[in-house]
N, C-alpha and C. Protein backbone atom coordinates (compact mmCIF):
# COMPACT_ATOMS: atom_id res chain seq x y z
N MET A 1 0.37 34.28 47.35
CA MET A 1 -0.11 32.92 47.19
C MET A 1 -1.34 32.88 46.27
N MET A 2 -2.25 33.81 46.49
CA MET A 2 -3.45 33.87 45.67
C MET A 2 -3.10 34.17 44.21
N LYS A 3 -2.11 35.06 43.98
CA LYS A 3 -1.69 35.39 42.62
C LYS A 3 -1.12 34.15 41.92
N LEU A 4 -0.35 33.35 42.66
CA LEU A 4 0.22 32.13 42.11
C LEU A 4 -0.88 31.14 41.72
N LEU A 5 -1.89 30.99 42.56
CA LEU A 5 -3.00 30.10 42.29
C LEU A 5 -3.77 30.56 41.04
N ILE A 6 -4.01 31.85 40.91
CA ILE A 6 -4.71 32.38 39.74
C ILE A 6 -3.87 32.15 38.48
N LEU A 7 -2.58 32.36 38.58
CA LEU A 7 -1.68 32.15 37.45
C LEU A 7 -1.69 30.68 37.00
N VAL A 8 -1.64 29.76 37.95
CA VAL A 8 -1.65 28.33 37.63
C VAL A 8 -2.98 27.94 36.99
N ILE A 9 -4.09 28.40 37.54
CA ILE A 9 -5.41 28.09 36.99
C ILE A 9 -5.55 28.66 35.59
N SER A 10 -5.08 29.89 35.38
CA SER A 10 -5.13 30.51 34.04
C SER A 10 -4.32 29.72 33.04
N ALA A 11 -3.14 29.28 33.43
CA ALA A 11 -2.28 28.50 32.54
C ALA A 11 -2.94 27.17 32.19
N LEU A 12 -3.54 26.50 33.18
CA LEU A 12 -4.22 25.23 32.93
C LEU A 12 -5.39 25.42 31.98
N MET A 13 -6.16 26.49 32.15
CA MET A 13 -7.29 26.75 31.27
C MET A 13 -6.82 27.04 29.85
N MET A 14 -5.72 27.78 29.72
CA MET A 14 -5.20 28.11 28.39
C MET A 14 -4.74 26.83 27.68
N PHE A 15 -3.98 25.98 28.37
CA PHE A 15 -3.51 24.74 27.77
C PHE A 15 -4.67 23.79 27.49
N SER A 16 -5.68 23.80 28.34
CA SER A 16 -6.85 22.97 28.14
C SER A 16 -7.57 23.36 26.85
N GLU A 17 -7.73 24.66 26.59
CA GLU A 17 -8.37 25.15 25.37
C GLU A 17 -7.54 24.78 24.15
N MET A 18 -6.21 24.84 24.26
CA MET A 18 -5.35 24.48 23.14
C MET A 18 -5.54 23.01 22.79
N GLY A 19 -5.67 22.17 23.80
CA GLY A 19 -5.86 20.75 23.58
C GLY A 19 -7.18 20.45 22.90
N HIS A 20 -8.25 21.18 23.27
CA HIS A 20 -9.55 20.95 22.65
C HIS A 20 -9.61 21.44 21.21
N SER A 21 -8.78 22.40 20.87
CA SER A 21 -8.82 22.92 19.50
C SER A 21 -8.13 21.99 18.52
N GLN A 22 -7.37 21.02 19.01
CA GLN A 22 -6.70 20.08 18.13
C GLN A 22 -7.59 18.88 17.89
N SER A 23 -7.30 18.16 16.84
CA SER A 23 -8.05 16.95 16.50
C SER A 23 -7.90 15.93 17.61
N ASN A 24 -8.96 15.19 17.87
CA ASN A 24 -8.90 14.15 18.90
C ASN A 24 -8.02 12.99 18.51
N ASN A 25 -7.86 12.74 17.22
CA ASN A 25 -7.06 11.61 16.77
C ASN A 25 -6.04 12.10 15.75
N GLN A 26 -4.92 12.60 16.25
CA GLN A 26 -3.90 13.17 15.37
C GLN A 26 -3.15 12.10 14.59
N ASN A 27 -3.18 10.86 15.03
CA ASN A 27 -2.44 9.81 14.35
C ASN A 27 -3.23 9.19 13.21
N ALA A 28 -4.52 9.50 13.13
CA ALA A 28 -5.33 8.93 12.04
C ALA A 28 -5.02 9.66 10.74
N PRO A 29 -4.93 8.91 9.65
CA PRO A 29 -4.67 9.55 8.37
C PRO A 29 -5.81 10.50 8.00
N ALA A 30 -5.47 11.62 7.39
CA ALA A 30 -6.47 12.57 6.96
C ALA A 30 -7.16 12.05 5.70
N GLN A 31 -8.48 12.13 5.65
CA GLN A 31 -9.22 11.69 4.49
C GLN A 31 -9.03 12.70 3.36
N THR A 32 -8.88 12.21 2.19
CA THR A 32 -8.84 13.06 1.01
C THR A 32 -9.86 12.53 0.03
N ASP A 33 -10.18 13.30 -0.99
CA ASP A 33 -11.10 12.78 -1.98
C ASP A 33 -10.36 12.07 -3.10
N ASN A 34 -9.18 11.55 -2.80
CA ASN A 34 -8.38 10.82 -3.76
C ASN A 34 -8.96 9.42 -3.93
N PRO A 35 -9.44 9.06 -5.11
CA PRO A 35 -10.07 7.75 -5.30
C PRO A 35 -9.11 6.58 -5.14
N SER A 36 -7.82 6.82 -5.12
CA SER A 36 -6.86 5.72 -5.01
C SER A 36 -6.66 5.27 -3.57
N ASN A 37 -7.37 5.91 -2.64
CA ASN A 37 -7.24 5.58 -1.22
C ASN A 37 -5.86 5.90 -0.67
N ASP A 38 -5.23 6.92 -1.23
CA ASP A 38 -3.94 7.40 -0.73
C ASP A 38 -4.22 8.60 0.16
N GLN A 39 -3.73 8.54 1.39
CA GLN A 39 -4.03 9.58 2.36
C GLN A 39 -2.76 10.01 3.08
N ARG A 40 -2.86 11.17 3.73
CA ARG A 40 -1.75 11.55 4.60
C ARG A 40 -1.68 10.53 5.72
N GLY A 41 -0.46 10.19 6.11
CA GLY A 41 -0.28 9.20 7.16
C GLY A 41 0.62 9.73 8.26
N LYS A 42 1.09 8.82 9.07
CA LYS A 42 1.98 9.19 10.16
C LYS A 42 3.25 9.81 9.63
N ARG A 43 3.65 10.89 10.22
CA ARG A 43 4.83 11.63 9.78
C ARG A 43 6.07 10.72 9.76
N GLY A 44 6.75 10.73 8.62
CA GLY A 44 7.99 9.96 8.51
C GLY A 44 7.81 8.51 8.10
N TYR A 45 6.57 8.09 7.84
CA TYR A 45 6.32 6.69 7.51
C TYR A 45 5.43 6.56 6.27
N TRP A 46 5.63 5.48 5.54
CA TRP A 46 4.71 5.10 4.47
C TRP A 46 4.15 3.75 4.84
N GLU A 47 2.86 3.59 4.66
CA GLU A 47 2.25 2.30 4.95
C GLU A 47 1.29 1.89 3.86
N ALA A 48 1.19 0.59 3.67
CA ALA A 48 0.25 0.01 2.72
C ALA A 48 -0.60 -0.99 3.49
N ASN A 49 -1.90 -0.80 3.43
CA ASN A 49 -2.86 -1.71 4.06
C ASN A 49 -3.60 -2.41 2.94
N LEU A 50 -3.29 -3.68 2.76
CA LEU A 50 -3.81 -4.44 1.62
C LEU A 50 -4.53 -5.69 2.10
N ALA A 51 -5.28 -6.33 1.21
CA ALA A 51 -6.01 -7.54 1.57
C ALA A 51 -5.04 -8.64 2.03
N GLY A 52 -3.83 -8.68 1.47
CA GLY A 52 -2.86 -9.71 1.81
C GLY A 52 -2.00 -9.40 3.03
N GLY A 53 -2.16 -8.22 3.64
CA GLY A 53 -1.38 -7.86 4.81
C GLY A 53 -1.07 -6.38 4.85
N ASN A 54 -0.25 -5.99 5.80
CA ASN A 54 0.09 -4.59 6.01
C ASN A 54 1.61 -4.42 6.01
N TYR A 55 2.05 -3.27 5.51
CA TYR A 55 3.48 -2.97 5.43
C TYR A 55 3.69 -1.53 5.86
N VAL A 56 4.64 -1.31 6.76
CA VAL A 56 4.99 0.03 7.22
C VAL A 56 6.49 0.17 7.16
N VAL A 57 6.96 1.31 6.63
CA VAL A 57 8.40 1.55 6.55
C VAL A 57 8.69 3.01 6.87
N SER A 58 9.79 3.24 7.53
CA SER A 58 10.26 4.59 7.79
C SER A 58 10.79 5.17 6.48
N LEU A 59 10.35 6.39 6.14
CA LEU A 59 10.78 7.01 4.89
C LEU A 59 12.30 7.19 4.85
N SER A 60 12.92 7.40 6.00
CA SER A 60 14.37 7.60 6.03
C SER A 60 15.14 6.31 5.74
N ARG A 61 14.45 5.16 5.78
CA ARG A 61 15.11 3.88 5.52
C ARG A 61 14.96 3.42 4.07
N ILE A 62 14.10 4.10 3.28
CA ILE A 62 13.92 3.73 1.88
C ILE A 62 15.12 4.20 1.06
N THR A 63 15.70 3.29 0.27
CA THR A 63 16.84 3.65 -0.57
C THR A 63 16.48 3.74 -2.05
N SER A 64 15.40 3.07 -2.47
CA SER A 64 14.94 3.20 -3.85
C SER A 64 13.50 2.71 -3.96
N VAL A 65 12.83 3.25 -4.98
CA VAL A 65 11.47 2.85 -5.31
C VAL A 65 11.46 2.64 -6.82
N SER A 66 10.96 1.49 -7.27
CA SER A 66 10.96 1.24 -8.72
C SER A 66 9.68 0.54 -9.14
N ARG A 67 9.40 0.64 -10.44
CA ARG A 67 8.29 -0.10 -11.03
C ARG A 67 8.78 -0.65 -12.36
N HIS A 68 8.54 -1.91 -12.59
CA HIS A 68 8.96 -2.54 -13.83
C HIS A 68 8.06 -3.73 -14.15
N LYS A 69 8.11 -4.18 -15.40
CA LYS A 69 7.34 -5.33 -15.85
C LYS A 69 8.27 -6.40 -16.39
N TYR A 70 7.85 -7.65 -16.23
CA TYR A 70 8.59 -8.75 -16.83
C TYR A 70 7.65 -9.91 -17.09
N VAL A 71 8.05 -10.80 -17.98
CA VAL A 71 7.26 -11.99 -18.31
C VAL A 71 7.83 -13.14 -17.47
N LEU A 72 6.95 -13.85 -16.82
CA LEU A 72 7.35 -14.97 -15.97
C LEU A 72 6.93 -16.28 -16.61
N ASP A 73 7.89 -17.13 -16.89
CA ASP A 73 7.65 -18.46 -17.46
C ASP A 73 6.82 -18.43 -18.75
N GLY A 74 6.87 -17.33 -19.48
CA GLY A 74 6.14 -17.23 -20.73
C GLY A 74 4.63 -17.26 -20.58
N ALA A 75 4.14 -17.17 -19.34
CA ALA A 75 2.70 -17.33 -19.11
C ALA A 75 2.02 -16.09 -18.55
N VAL A 76 2.72 -15.31 -17.74
CA VAL A 76 2.11 -14.14 -17.12
C VAL A 76 3.05 -12.94 -17.19
N ILE A 77 2.44 -11.77 -17.21
CA ILE A 77 3.21 -10.52 -17.12
C ILE A 77 3.11 -10.04 -15.69
N VAL A 78 4.24 -9.80 -15.08
CA VAL A 78 4.29 -9.30 -13.72
C VAL A 78 4.63 -7.81 -13.79
N ASP A 79 3.77 -6.99 -13.24
CA ASP A 79 3.99 -5.55 -13.12
C ASP A 79 4.31 -5.34 -11.64
N GLU A 80 5.53 -4.94 -11.34
CA GLU A 80 6.02 -4.98 -9.96
C GLU A 80 6.53 -3.63 -9.49
N VAL A 81 6.16 -3.27 -8.26
CA VAL A 81 6.71 -2.12 -7.56
C VAL A 81 7.61 -2.67 -6.47
N THR A 82 8.83 -2.18 -6.41
CA THR A 82 9.79 -2.64 -5.41
C THR A 82 10.19 -1.47 -4.53
N VAL A 83 10.15 -1.69 -3.21
CA VAL A 83 10.60 -0.70 -2.24
C VAL A 83 11.80 -1.31 -1.53
N ASP A 84 12.98 -0.77 -1.83
CA ASP A 84 14.22 -1.26 -1.22
C ASP A 84 14.53 -0.38 -0.02
N THR A 85 15.03 -1.00 1.03
CA THR A 85 15.31 -0.27 2.26
C THR A 85 16.68 -0.64 2.82
N GLU A 86 17.16 0.23 3.69
CA GLU A 86 18.34 -0.13 4.46
C GLU A 86 17.90 -1.26 5.36
N GLY A 87 18.74 -2.21 5.56
CA GLY A 87 18.34 -3.35 6.37
C GLY A 87 18.33 -4.61 5.53
N GLN A 88 17.52 -5.56 5.94
CA GLN A 88 17.60 -6.86 5.29
C GLN A 88 16.33 -7.30 4.58
N SER A 89 15.40 -6.41 4.37
CA SER A 89 14.18 -6.84 3.67
C SER A 89 13.89 -5.97 2.46
N LEU A 90 13.17 -6.54 1.53
CA LEU A 90 12.80 -5.90 0.28
C LEU A 90 11.31 -6.12 0.10
N ALA A 91 10.54 -5.06 -0.13
CA ALA A 91 9.10 -5.20 -0.32
C ALA A 91 8.77 -5.18 -1.80
N ARG A 92 7.93 -6.13 -2.21
CA ARG A 92 7.50 -6.21 -3.60
C ARG A 92 5.97 -6.21 -3.63
N PHE A 93 5.43 -5.38 -4.49
CA PHE A 93 3.99 -5.29 -4.69
C PHE A 93 3.76 -5.54 -6.17
N TYR A 94 2.85 -6.45 -6.51
CA TYR A 94 2.71 -6.71 -7.93
C TYR A 94 1.29 -7.04 -8.36
N PHE A 95 1.08 -6.84 -9.66
CA PHE A 95 -0.16 -7.19 -10.35
C PHE A 95 0.24 -8.17 -11.45
N ILE A 96 -0.54 -9.24 -11.60
CA ILE A 96 -0.23 -10.27 -12.59
C ILE A 96 -1.34 -10.29 -13.64
N SER A 97 -0.93 -10.35 -14.91
CA SER A 97 -1.90 -10.49 -16.00
C SER A 97 -1.39 -11.56 -16.95
N PRO A 98 -2.30 -12.23 -17.65
CA PRO A 98 -1.87 -13.30 -18.56
C PRO A 98 -1.19 -12.74 -19.80
N VAL A 99 -0.25 -13.51 -20.34
CA VAL A 99 0.38 -13.17 -21.61
C VAL A 99 -0.55 -13.64 -22.70
N THR A 100 -0.84 -12.78 -23.63
CA THR A 100 -1.65 -13.18 -24.78
C THR A 100 -0.88 -12.84 -26.04
N THR A 101 -1.08 -13.62 -27.06
CA THR A 101 -0.37 -13.36 -28.31
C THR A 101 -1.04 -12.27 -29.11
N ALA A 102 -2.30 -11.97 -28.78
CA ALA A 102 -3.03 -10.92 -29.49
C ALA A 102 -3.03 -9.65 -28.63
N GLY A 103 -3.60 -8.60 -29.15
CA GLY A 103 -3.66 -7.32 -28.44
C GLY A 103 -4.60 -7.36 -27.26
N PRO A 104 -4.61 -6.28 -26.45
CA PRO A 104 -5.41 -6.24 -25.24
C PRO A 104 -6.92 -6.28 -25.48
N ASP A 105 -7.38 -5.97 -26.71
CA ASP A 105 -8.80 -5.99 -27.01
C ASP A 105 -9.23 -7.26 -27.74
N SER A 106 -8.33 -8.22 -27.81
CA SER A 106 -8.64 -9.45 -28.55
C SER A 106 -9.54 -10.37 -27.74
N GLY A 107 -10.12 -11.35 -28.41
CA GLY A 107 -10.94 -12.35 -27.74
C GLY A 107 -10.15 -13.13 -26.71
N THR A 108 -8.90 -13.43 -27.00
CA THR A 108 -8.05 -14.18 -26.06
C THR A 108 -7.84 -13.38 -24.77
N ALA A 109 -7.52 -12.10 -24.93
CA ALA A 109 -7.30 -11.26 -23.75
C ALA A 109 -8.58 -11.10 -22.95
N ASN A 110 -9.70 -10.92 -23.66
CA ASN A 110 -10.99 -10.78 -22.97
C ASN A 110 -11.37 -12.06 -22.24
N LEU A 111 -11.11 -13.21 -22.87
CA LEU A 111 -11.39 -14.50 -22.24
C LEU A 111 -10.54 -14.68 -20.97
N ALA A 112 -9.26 -14.34 -21.06
CA ALA A 112 -8.37 -14.46 -19.90
C ALA A 112 -8.83 -13.54 -18.77
N ALA A 113 -9.22 -12.31 -19.11
CA ALA A 113 -9.69 -11.36 -18.10
C ALA A 113 -10.97 -11.86 -17.45
N ARG A 114 -11.88 -12.40 -18.26
CA ARG A 114 -13.15 -12.93 -17.73
C ARG A 114 -12.90 -14.14 -16.82
N ALA A 115 -11.99 -15.01 -17.19
CA ALA A 115 -11.67 -16.17 -16.35
C ALA A 115 -11.12 -15.73 -15.00
N LEU A 116 -10.27 -14.71 -15.01
CA LEU A 116 -9.72 -14.19 -13.75
C LEU A 116 -10.82 -13.57 -12.91
N GLU A 117 -11.72 -12.84 -13.54
CA GLU A 117 -12.84 -12.21 -12.84
C GLU A 117 -13.73 -13.26 -12.17
N ILE A 118 -14.03 -14.34 -12.89
CA ILE A 118 -14.86 -15.42 -12.35
C ILE A 118 -14.16 -16.12 -11.19
N ALA A 119 -12.87 -16.38 -11.34
CA ALA A 119 -12.12 -17.04 -10.27
C ALA A 119 -12.09 -16.18 -9.01
N ASN A 120 -11.87 -14.89 -9.16
CA ASN A 120 -11.85 -13.98 -8.00
C ASN A 120 -13.22 -13.89 -7.34
N LYS A 121 -14.28 -13.81 -8.14
CA LYS A 121 -15.63 -13.72 -7.60
C LYS A 121 -16.00 -14.99 -6.86
N THR A 122 -15.70 -16.13 -7.44
CA THR A 122 -16.00 -17.42 -6.81
C THR A 122 -15.26 -17.56 -5.49
N ALA A 123 -14.00 -17.20 -5.48
CA ALA A 123 -13.21 -17.29 -4.25
C ALA A 123 -13.78 -16.41 -3.15
N SER A 124 -14.15 -15.18 -3.49
CA SER A 124 -14.67 -14.28 -2.47
C SER A 124 -16.05 -14.71 -1.98
N GLU A 125 -16.88 -15.29 -2.86
CA GLU A 125 -18.20 -15.77 -2.46
C GLU A 125 -18.11 -16.94 -1.50
N HIS A 126 -17.05 -17.72 -1.59
CA HIS A 126 -16.88 -18.89 -0.73
C HIS A 126 -15.96 -18.62 0.45
N GLY A 127 -15.68 -17.35 0.70
CA GLY A 127 -14.91 -16.99 1.88
C GLY A 127 -13.42 -17.22 1.76
N SER A 128 -12.94 -17.45 0.58
CA SER A 128 -11.50 -17.67 0.40
C SER A 128 -10.82 -16.34 0.08
N SER A 129 -9.63 -16.17 0.58
CA SER A 129 -8.86 -14.97 0.24
C SER A 129 -7.62 -15.35 -0.56
N ALA A 130 -7.64 -16.55 -1.14
CA ALA A 130 -6.47 -17.03 -1.87
C ALA A 130 -6.14 -16.13 -3.05
N GLN A 131 -7.14 -15.50 -3.65
CA GLN A 131 -6.88 -14.63 -4.79
C GLN A 131 -6.09 -13.39 -4.39
N ASP A 132 -6.11 -13.03 -3.11
CA ASP A 132 -5.37 -11.87 -2.62
C ASP A 132 -3.93 -12.20 -2.24
N MET A 133 -3.64 -13.47 -2.13
CA MET A 133 -2.34 -13.90 -1.61
C MET A 133 -1.30 -14.09 -2.71
N VAL A 134 -0.06 -13.91 -2.31
CA VAL A 134 1.07 -14.20 -3.19
C VAL A 134 1.13 -15.71 -3.36
N GLN A 135 1.38 -16.17 -4.57
CA GLN A 135 1.48 -17.61 -4.81
C GLN A 135 2.93 -17.96 -5.08
N LYS A 136 3.42 -18.96 -4.35
CA LYS A 136 4.81 -19.37 -4.49
C LYS A 136 4.90 -20.87 -4.69
N LYS A 137 5.98 -21.28 -5.33
CA LYS A 137 6.26 -22.70 -5.50
C LYS A 137 7.62 -22.96 -4.87
N TYR A 138 7.60 -23.65 -3.73
CA TYR A 138 8.82 -23.91 -2.99
C TYR A 138 9.69 -24.89 -3.76
N PRO A 139 10.97 -24.74 -3.86
CA PRO A 139 11.82 -23.64 -3.40
C PRO A 139 12.07 -22.59 -4.49
N LEU A 140 11.43 -22.74 -5.64
CA LEU A 140 11.73 -21.88 -6.79
C LEU A 140 11.40 -20.42 -6.56
N THR A 141 10.29 -20.12 -5.90
CA THR A 141 9.89 -18.72 -5.75
C THR A 141 9.96 -18.22 -4.32
N THR A 142 10.63 -18.93 -3.47
CA THR A 142 10.78 -18.47 -2.09
C THR A 142 12.03 -17.60 -2.01
N HIS A 143 11.81 -16.34 -1.75
CA HIS A 143 12.92 -15.38 -1.67
C HIS A 143 13.15 -15.02 -0.21
N SER A 144 14.33 -15.31 0.27
CA SER A 144 14.68 -14.95 1.62
C SER A 144 14.67 -13.43 1.77
N LYS A 145 14.09 -12.98 2.83
CA LYS A 145 14.06 -11.55 3.18
C LYS A 145 13.24 -10.71 2.22
N SER A 146 12.31 -11.32 1.50
CA SER A 146 11.40 -10.58 0.63
C SER A 146 10.02 -10.55 1.25
N ILE A 147 9.39 -9.41 1.18
CA ILE A 147 8.02 -9.24 1.64
C ILE A 147 7.22 -8.98 0.37
N GLU A 148 6.20 -9.79 0.10
CA GLU A 148 5.49 -9.68 -1.17
C GLU A 148 3.99 -9.54 -0.97
N TYR A 149 3.39 -8.70 -1.83
CA TYR A 149 1.95 -8.45 -1.80
C TYR A 149 1.43 -8.45 -3.22
N ARG A 150 0.23 -8.96 -3.40
CA ARG A 150 -0.40 -8.99 -4.72
C ARG A 150 -1.57 -8.02 -4.73
N LEU A 151 -1.64 -7.19 -5.76
CA LEU A 151 -2.78 -6.30 -5.95
C LEU A 151 -3.62 -6.85 -7.10
N LEU A 152 -4.91 -6.60 -7.05
CA LEU A 152 -5.82 -7.21 -8.01
C LEU A 152 -6.04 -6.39 -9.27
N THR A 153 -5.60 -5.14 -9.28
CA THR A 153 -5.75 -4.33 -10.49
C THR A 153 -4.46 -3.56 -10.78
N GLU A 154 -4.24 -3.32 -12.04
CA GLU A 154 -3.08 -2.54 -12.46
C GLU A 154 -3.21 -1.09 -11.99
N ALA A 155 -4.44 -0.58 -11.95
CA ALA A 155 -4.67 0.80 -11.49
C ALA A 155 -4.27 0.95 -10.03
N GLN A 156 -4.58 -0.05 -9.20
CA GLN A 156 -4.19 0.03 -7.79
C GLN A 156 -2.68 -0.01 -7.64
N LEU A 157 -2.02 -0.83 -8.44
CA LEU A 157 -0.56 -0.89 -8.37
C LEU A 157 0.03 0.46 -8.75
N GLY A 158 -0.51 1.09 -9.78
CA GLY A 158 -0.04 2.41 -10.18
C GLY A 158 -0.26 3.44 -9.09
N ALA A 159 -1.40 3.39 -8.42
CA ALA A 159 -1.69 4.31 -7.32
C ALA A 159 -0.75 4.07 -6.14
N LEU A 160 -0.46 2.80 -5.86
CA LEU A 160 0.47 2.46 -4.78
C LEU A 160 1.86 3.02 -5.10
N TYR A 161 2.31 2.85 -6.34
CA TYR A 161 3.62 3.36 -6.75
C TYR A 161 3.68 4.89 -6.58
N GLN A 162 2.64 5.58 -7.02
CA GLN A 162 2.62 7.04 -6.88
C GLN A 162 2.63 7.44 -5.41
N SER A 163 1.94 6.69 -4.56
CA SER A 163 1.89 6.99 -3.13
C SER A 163 3.26 6.85 -2.47
N VAL A 164 3.93 5.72 -2.67
CA VAL A 164 5.22 5.51 -2.03
C VAL A 164 6.28 6.45 -2.60
N LYS A 165 6.22 6.69 -3.90
CA LYS A 165 7.18 7.59 -4.54
C LYS A 165 7.02 9.01 -4.00
N ALA A 166 5.78 9.48 -3.92
CA ALA A 166 5.53 10.84 -3.40
C ALA A 166 5.96 10.96 -1.95
N ALA A 167 5.65 9.95 -1.15
CA ALA A 167 6.04 9.98 0.27
C ALA A 167 7.55 10.05 0.41
N TRP A 168 8.25 9.22 -0.34
CA TRP A 168 9.71 9.16 -0.26
C TRP A 168 10.34 10.46 -0.74
N GLN A 169 9.85 11.01 -1.84
CA GLN A 169 10.45 12.23 -2.40
C GLN A 169 10.15 13.47 -1.57
N THR A 170 8.99 13.52 -0.93
CA THR A 170 8.63 14.71 -0.15
C THR A 170 8.95 14.57 1.33
N GLY A 171 9.09 13.34 1.80
CA GLY A 171 9.33 13.11 3.22
C GLY A 171 8.06 13.19 4.06
N GLU A 172 6.91 13.33 3.40
CA GLU A 172 5.63 13.40 4.11
C GLU A 172 5.01 12.02 4.19
N GLY A 173 4.57 11.63 5.36
CA GLY A 173 3.98 10.31 5.56
C GLY A 173 2.74 10.12 4.72
N ARG A 174 2.55 8.89 4.21
CA ARG A 174 1.39 8.54 3.41
C ARG A 174 0.89 7.18 3.88
N ALA A 175 -0.39 6.96 3.68
CA ALA A 175 -1.00 5.66 3.96
C ALA A 175 -1.83 5.28 2.76
N PHE A 176 -1.53 4.13 2.19
CA PHE A 176 -2.24 3.63 1.02
C PHE A 176 -3.11 2.46 1.44
N LYS A 177 -4.37 2.47 1.01
CA LYS A 177 -5.27 1.36 1.31
C LYS A 177 -5.75 0.78 0.00
N GLY A 178 -5.53 -0.51 -0.18
CA GLY A 178 -5.94 -1.18 -1.42
C GLY A 178 -6.45 -2.57 -1.15
N GLN A 179 -6.68 -3.29 -2.24
CA GLN A 179 -7.17 -4.67 -2.12
C GLN A 179 -6.16 -5.61 -2.73
């Protein structure tokens, strides 16, 4: 009886030490020095935490990941990342920039960029998050079963695309945090 008690106590102490040697929060994404805010995430999942909301998908349910650009109504260029999944929803992440007839370093392009910067700054100073939200015009831009997010910079959209693509191709969970 005494041998059994010693064996049980020894086993409990051994398992207790194993538990202490592990991280206290195994579900938290591991920090990296990646400036894009892309981190290891929950195994088997990719998630995006953005100003406009949060999106989580099982990597095994993703059927394609794409990035493309198009001109919308002759007024803006939409740079879009699409995550297609098994099921009934499609996630779209995009960055919008104005169409200019001159090059990216022209006065027109600089003026458009400055106007967008002022609008975003003014909105955030007054507590509005409208600049982070997807803008739709019912019924023209309402897509059934579409989940849409707007990113404020092209660099963040590129980082998001690299994050979801890497997660899907490697099967390793990732968590992307952006604005």
